N, C-alpha and C. Protein backbone atom coordinates (compact mmCIF):
# COMPACT_ATOMS: atom_id res chain seq x y z
N UNK A 1 0.59 -1.11 -0.01
CA UNK A 1 0.09 -0.07 -0.01
C UNK A 1 0.90 1.52 0.06
N UNK A 2 2.28 1.27 0.27
CA UNK A 2 3.07 2.29 0.32
C UNK A 2 2.62 2.98 -1.09
N UNK A 3 2.96 2.69 -2.32
CA UNK A 3 2.95 3.19 -3.53
C UNK A 3 1.33 4.17 -3.49
N UNK A 4 0.33 3.43 -3.12
CA UNK A 4 -1.06 4.12 -2.86
C UNK A 4 -0.86 5.34 -2.16
N UNK A 5 -0.27 5.08 -0.95
CA UNK A 5 -0.24 6.59 -0.21
C UNK A 5 0.79 7.52 -0.65
N UNK A 6 1.92 7.07 -1.39
CA UNK A 6 2.77 8.36 -1.89
C UNK A 6 2.01 8.79 -3.15
N UNK A 7 1.43 8.33 -3.79
CA UNK A 7 0.48 8.56 -4.91
C UNK A 7 -0.64 9.47 -4.46
N UNK A 8 -1.51 9.46 -3.45
CA UNK A 8 -2.32 9.90 -3.01
C UNK A 8 -1.81 11.51 -2.37
N UNK A 9 -0.71 11.48 -1.72
CA UNK A 9 -0.06 12.54 -1.29
C UNK A 9 0.11 13.32 -2.42
N UNK A 10 0.99 12.97 -3.42
CA UNK A 10 1.39 13.74 -4.64
C UNK A 10 0.44 14.01 -5.19
N UNK A 11 -0.94 13.07 -5.66
CA UNK A 11 -2.17 13.57 -6.30
C UNK A 11 -2.60 14.97 -5.89
N UNK A 12 -2.87 14.75 -4.24
CA UNK A 12 -3.46 15.67 -3.67
C UNK A 12 -3.08 16.95 -3.67
N UNK A 13 -1.38 17.05 -4.17
CA UNK A 13 -0.80 18.60 -3.86
C UNK A 13 -1.39 19.30 -5.34
N UNK A 14 -1.41 18.91 -6.45
CA UNK A 14 -1.99 19.99 -7.50
C UNK A 14 -3.71 20.23 -7.24
N UNK A 15 -4.19 19.49 -6.49
CA UNK A 15 -5.58 19.90 -6.57
C UNK A 15 -5.88 20.92 -5.15
N UNK A 16 -4.80 20.82 -4.27
CA UNK A 16 -4.85 22.02 -3.21
C UNK A 16 -4.26 23.33 -3.97
N UNK A 17 -3.42 23.22 -4.55
CA UNK A 17 -2.92 24.28 -5.63
C UNK A 17 -4.01 24.88 -6.43
N UNK A 18 -4.65 24.20 -6.91
CA UNK A 18 -5.95 24.10 -7.88
C UNK A 18 -7.17 25.19 -7.15
N UNK A 19 -7.51 24.32 -6.07
CA UNK A 19 -8.61 24.81 -5.11
C UNK A 19 -7.94 26.16 -4.57
N UNK A 20 -6.92 26.39 -4.13
CA UNK A 20 -6.57 28.04 -3.64
C UNK A 20 -6.39 29.16 -4.62
N UNK A 21 -6.07 28.29 -6.16
CA UNK A 21 -6.33 29.66 -7.04
C UNK A 21 -7.73 29.85 -7.67
N UNK A 22 -8.10 28.82 -7.43
CA UNK A 22 -9.72 29.27 -7.69
C UNK A 22 -10.46 30.12 -6.41
N UNK A 23 -10.23 29.92 -5.29
CA UNK A 23 -10.88 30.74 -4.18
C UNK A 23 -10.02 32.18 -4.02
N UNK A 24 -8.72 32.33 -4.50
CA UNK A 24 -8.23 33.52 -4.54
C UNK A 24 -8.22 34.46 -5.65
N UNK A 25 -9.00 33.78 -6.86
CA UNK A 25 -9.06 34.50 -7.87
C UNK A 25 -9.95 35.54 -7.60
N UNK A 26 -9.98 36.65 -8.43
CA UNK A 26 -11.22 37.74 -8.51
C UNK A 26 -12.31 37.32 -8.89
N UNK A 27 -12.23 36.94 -10.37
CA UNK A 27 -13.29 36.17 -10.85
C UNK A 27 -12.81 34.97 -11.46
N UNK A 28 -14.19 33.93 -11.67
CA UNK A 28 -13.69 32.91 -12.23
C UNK A 28 -15.26 32.32 -13.00
N UNK A 29 -15.05 31.98 -13.92
CA UNK A 29 -16.14 31.96 -14.81
C UNK A 29 -16.86 30.61 -14.04
N UNK A 30 -18.41 30.62 -14.33
CA UNK A 30 -19.03 29.66 -13.50
C UNK A 30 -18.65 28.15 -14.10
N UNK A 31 -18.24 27.95 -15.34
CA UNK A 31 -17.93 26.54 -15.84
C UNK A 31 -16.79 25.83 -15.37
N UNK A 32 -16.09 27.07 -14.76
CA UNK A 32 -14.83 26.38 -14.42
C UNK A 32 -14.96 25.38 -13.10
N UNK A 33 -15.77 25.91 -12.30
CA UNK A 33 -16.16 25.24 -11.11
C UNK A 33 -17.00 23.86 -11.10
N UNK A 34 -17.38 23.93 -12.50
CA UNK A 34 -18.11 22.53 -12.97
C UNK A 34 -16.90 21.73 -13.29
N UNK A 35 -16.17 22.26 -13.88
CA UNK A 35 -14.99 21.47 -14.51
C UNK A 35 -14.26 20.71 -13.53
N UNK A 36 -13.59 21.80 -12.41
CA UNK A 36 -12.91 21.35 -11.35
C UNK A 36 -13.76 20.36 -10.45
N UNK A 37 -14.87 20.13 -10.01
CA UNK A 37 -15.77 19.51 -9.31
C UNK A 37 -15.88 17.83 -9.92
N UNK A 38 -16.29 18.08 -11.41
CA UNK A 38 -16.23 16.81 -12.03
C UNK A 38 -15.00 16.05 -12.24
N UNK A 39 -13.74 16.59 -12.69
CA UNK A 39 -12.52 16.21 -13.08
C UNK A 39 -11.65 15.70 -11.63
N UNK A 40 -12.49 16.38 -10.20
CA UNK A 40 -11.83 16.00 -9.02
C UNK A 40 -12.70 14.69 -8.55
N UNK A 41 -13.83 14.59 -8.82
CA UNK A 41 -14.50 13.29 -8.57
C UNK A 41 -13.92 11.91 -9.46
N UNK A 42 -13.73 12.55 -10.55
CA UNK A 42 -12.78 11.37 -11.17
C UNK A 42 -11.80 11.06 -11.16
N UNK A 43 -10.66 12.05 -10.97
CA UNK A 43 -9.60 11.70 -10.39
C UNK A 43 -9.40 10.78 -9.21
N UNK A 44 -10.37 11.22 -8.11
CA UNK A 44 -10.23 10.49 -6.74
C UNK A 44 -10.73 8.98 -7.21
N UNK A 45 -11.61 8.78 -8.49
CA UNK A 45 -12.44 7.50 -8.41
C UNK A 45 -11.12 6.62 -8.98
N UNK A 46 -10.00 7.09 -9.58
CA UNK A 46 -8.73 6.26 -9.94
C UNK A 46 -8.17 5.66 -8.78
N UNK A 47 -8.20 6.47 -7.51
CA UNK A 47 -7.67 5.91 -6.51
C UNK A 47 -8.61 5.24 -5.67
N UNK A 48 -9.68 5.19 -6.06
CA UNK A 48 -10.54 4.33 -5.44
C UNK A 48 -10.40 2.96 -6.33
N UNK A 49 -10.49 3.10 -7.29
CA UNK A 49 -9.98 1.94 -8.31
C UNK A 49 -8.69 1.41 -7.85
N UNK A 50 -7.61 1.82 -7.82
CA UNK A 50 -6.36 1.47 -7.27
C UNK A 50 -6.49 0.46 -6.00
N UNK A 51 -7.26 1.40 -4.99
CA UNK A 51 -7.40 0.83 -3.77
C UNK A 51 -8.26 -1.02 -3.90
N UNK A 52 -9.39 -0.68 -4.59
CA UNK A 52 -10.09 -1.78 -4.47
C UNK A 52 -9.37 -2.89 -5.46
N UNK A 53 -8.46 -2.49 -6.45
CA UNK A 53 -7.44 -3.45 -6.86
C UNK A 53 -6.58 -3.94 -5.79
N UNK A 54 -6.01 -3.36 -5.29
CA UNK A 54 -5.19 -3.69 -3.79
C UNK A 54 -5.67 -4.92 -3.19
N UNK A 55 -6.83 -4.48 -2.93
CA UNK A 55 -7.30 -5.23 -1.83
C UNK A 55 -8.25 -6.41 -2.33
N UNK A 56 -8.33 -6.45 -3.60
CA UNK A 56 -9.07 -7.47 -4.38
C UNK A 56 -10.52 -7.72 -4.17
N UNK A 57 -11.16 -6.42 -3.96
CA UNK A 57 -12.47 -6.51 -3.66
C UNK A 57 -13.61 -6.88 -4.74
N UNK A 58 -14.25 -7.66 -4.69
CA UNK A 58 -15.20 -8.15 -5.60
C UNK A 58 -14.60 -8.27 -6.82
N UNK A 59 -15.10 -7.69 -7.84
CA UNK A 59 -14.76 -7.97 -9.31
C UNK A 59 -13.22 -7.42 -9.72
N UNK A 60 -12.92 -6.64 -8.59
CA UNK A 60 -11.46 -6.15 -8.84
C UNK A 60 -10.56 -6.97 -8.35
N UNK A 61 -10.94 -7.97 -8.13
CA UNK A 61 -9.75 -9.50 -7.78
C UNK A 61 -9.40 -9.79 -9.07
N UNK A 62 -10.19 -9.76 -10.29
CA UNK A 62 -9.56 -9.86 -11.59
C UNK A 62 -8.58 -8.57 -11.83
N UNK A 63 -7.44 -9.06 -12.24
CA UNK A 63 -6.64 -7.78 -12.65
C UNK A 63 -7.15 -6.91 -14.10
N UNK A 64 -7.49 -8.00 -14.63
CA UNK A 64 -7.86 -7.16 -16.11
C UNK A 64 -9.32 -6.28 -15.89
N UNK A 65 -10.14 -6.60 -14.83
CA UNK A 65 -11.35 -5.68 -14.74
C UNK A 65 -10.88 -4.63 -14.04
N UNK A 66 -9.99 -4.34 -13.36
CA UNK A 66 -9.44 -3.12 -12.78
C UNK A 66 -8.86 -2.50 -13.87
N UNK A 67 -8.06 -2.71 -14.47
CA UNK A 67 -7.20 -2.32 -15.79
C UNK A 67 -8.06 -1.69 -16.82
N UNK A 68 -9.33 -2.24 -17.11
CA UNK A 68 -10.68 -2.06 -18.00
C UNK A 68 -11.33 -0.75 -17.21
N UNK A 69 -11.29 -1.19 -15.79
CA UNK A 69 -11.65 0.20 -15.06
C UNK A 69 -10.95 1.53 -15.53
N UNK A 70 -9.55 1.65 -15.25
CA UNK A 70 -8.96 2.64 -15.28
C UNK A 70 -9.08 3.30 -16.80
N UNK A 71 -8.98 2.32 -18.14
CA UNK A 71 -9.30 2.71 -19.50
C UNK A 71 -10.65 3.56 -19.39
N UNK A 72 -11.60 2.85 -19.14
CA UNK A 72 -13.12 3.59 -18.79
C UNK A 72 -12.90 4.68 -18.39
N UNK A 73 -12.45 4.87 -16.83
CA UNK A 73 -12.20 5.98 -16.08
C UNK A 73 -11.64 7.16 -16.76
N UNK A 74 -10.58 6.89 -17.52
CA UNK A 74 -9.65 7.99 -18.62
C UNK A 74 -10.53 8.27 -19.73
N UNK A 75 -11.01 7.44 -20.39
CA UNK A 75 -11.98 7.74 -21.51
C UNK A 75 -12.74 9.06 -20.89
N UNK A 76 -13.65 8.84 -19.79
CA UNK A 76 -14.57 9.26 -19.37
C UNK A 76 -14.17 11.06 -18.90
N UNK A 77 -13.20 10.69 -18.14
CA UNK A 77 -12.77 11.98 -17.63
C UNK A 77 -11.88 12.91 -18.87
N UNK A 78 -11.50 12.57 -19.80
CA UNK A 78 -10.66 13.26 -20.88
C UNK A 78 -11.83 14.02 -21.76
N UNK A 79 -13.24 12.91 -21.87
CA UNK A 79 -14.31 13.28 -22.60
C UNK A 79 -14.91 14.60 -22.04
N UNK A 80 -15.20 14.36 -21.06
CA UNK A 80 -15.93 15.22 -19.90
C UNK A 80 -15.37 16.38 -20.08
N UNK A 81 -14.22 16.76 -20.07
CA UNK A 81 -13.30 17.75 -19.72
C UNK A 81 -13.23 18.48 -21.31
N UNK A 82 -13.22 17.79 -22.20
CA UNK A 82 -13.30 18.61 -23.83
C UNK A 82 -14.75 18.85 -23.65
N UNK A 83 -15.44 18.05 -23.65
CA UNK A 83 -16.97 18.88 -23.65
C UNK A 83 -17.22 20.01 -22.65
N UNK A 84 -16.59 20.06 -21.47
CA UNK A 84 -17.08 21.12 -20.39
C UNK A 84 -16.30 22.69 -20.85
N UNK A 85 -14.87 22.34 -21.65
CA UNK A 85 -13.90 23.57 -22.15
C UNK A 85 -15.05 23.85 -23.08
N UNK A 86 -15.13 23.12 -23.99
CA UNK A 86 -16.11 23.41 -25.20
C UNK A 86 -17.44 24.18 -24.98
N UNK A 87 -18.15 23.82 -24.25
CA UNK A 87 -19.53 24.13 -23.98
C UNK A 87 -19.27 25.18 -23.11
N UNK A 88 -18.39 25.60 -22.49
CA UNK A 88 -17.90 26.70 -21.34
C UNK A 88 -17.43 27.74 -22.43
N UNK A 89 -16.73 27.70 -23.22
CA UNK A 89 -16.16 28.66 -24.05
C UNK A 89 -16.90 29.30 -25.27
N UNK A 90 -18.11 28.12 -25.27
CA UNK A 90 -19.37 28.72 -26.17
C UNK A 90 -20.43 29.68 -25.59
N UNK A 91 -20.55 29.38 -24.33
CA UNK A 91 -21.62 29.84 -23.20
C UNK A 91 -21.66 31.54 -23.63
N UNK A 92 -20.60 32.18 -23.48
CA UNK A 92 -20.64 33.83 -23.61
C UNK A 92 -20.58 34.33 -25.16
């Protein structure tokens, strides 16, 4: 579990920085809040997937299932980010 905890620590650092910059900014477009929220949820689900794989919980006891979950999470995260940026830039 040591790689999991190191990854968690290293992975939290940019999210803390992002949160600070959003709070400290004078103005932030509304769609940026949605992007950060959705991407944070998806980012932390990568960690959940890893934890479930390490502990071999349910379907995650099959290595291939966990790896397929990573692929799907990655595709969903990148697709949602692209659509949110595209829609947000067209909103005004």
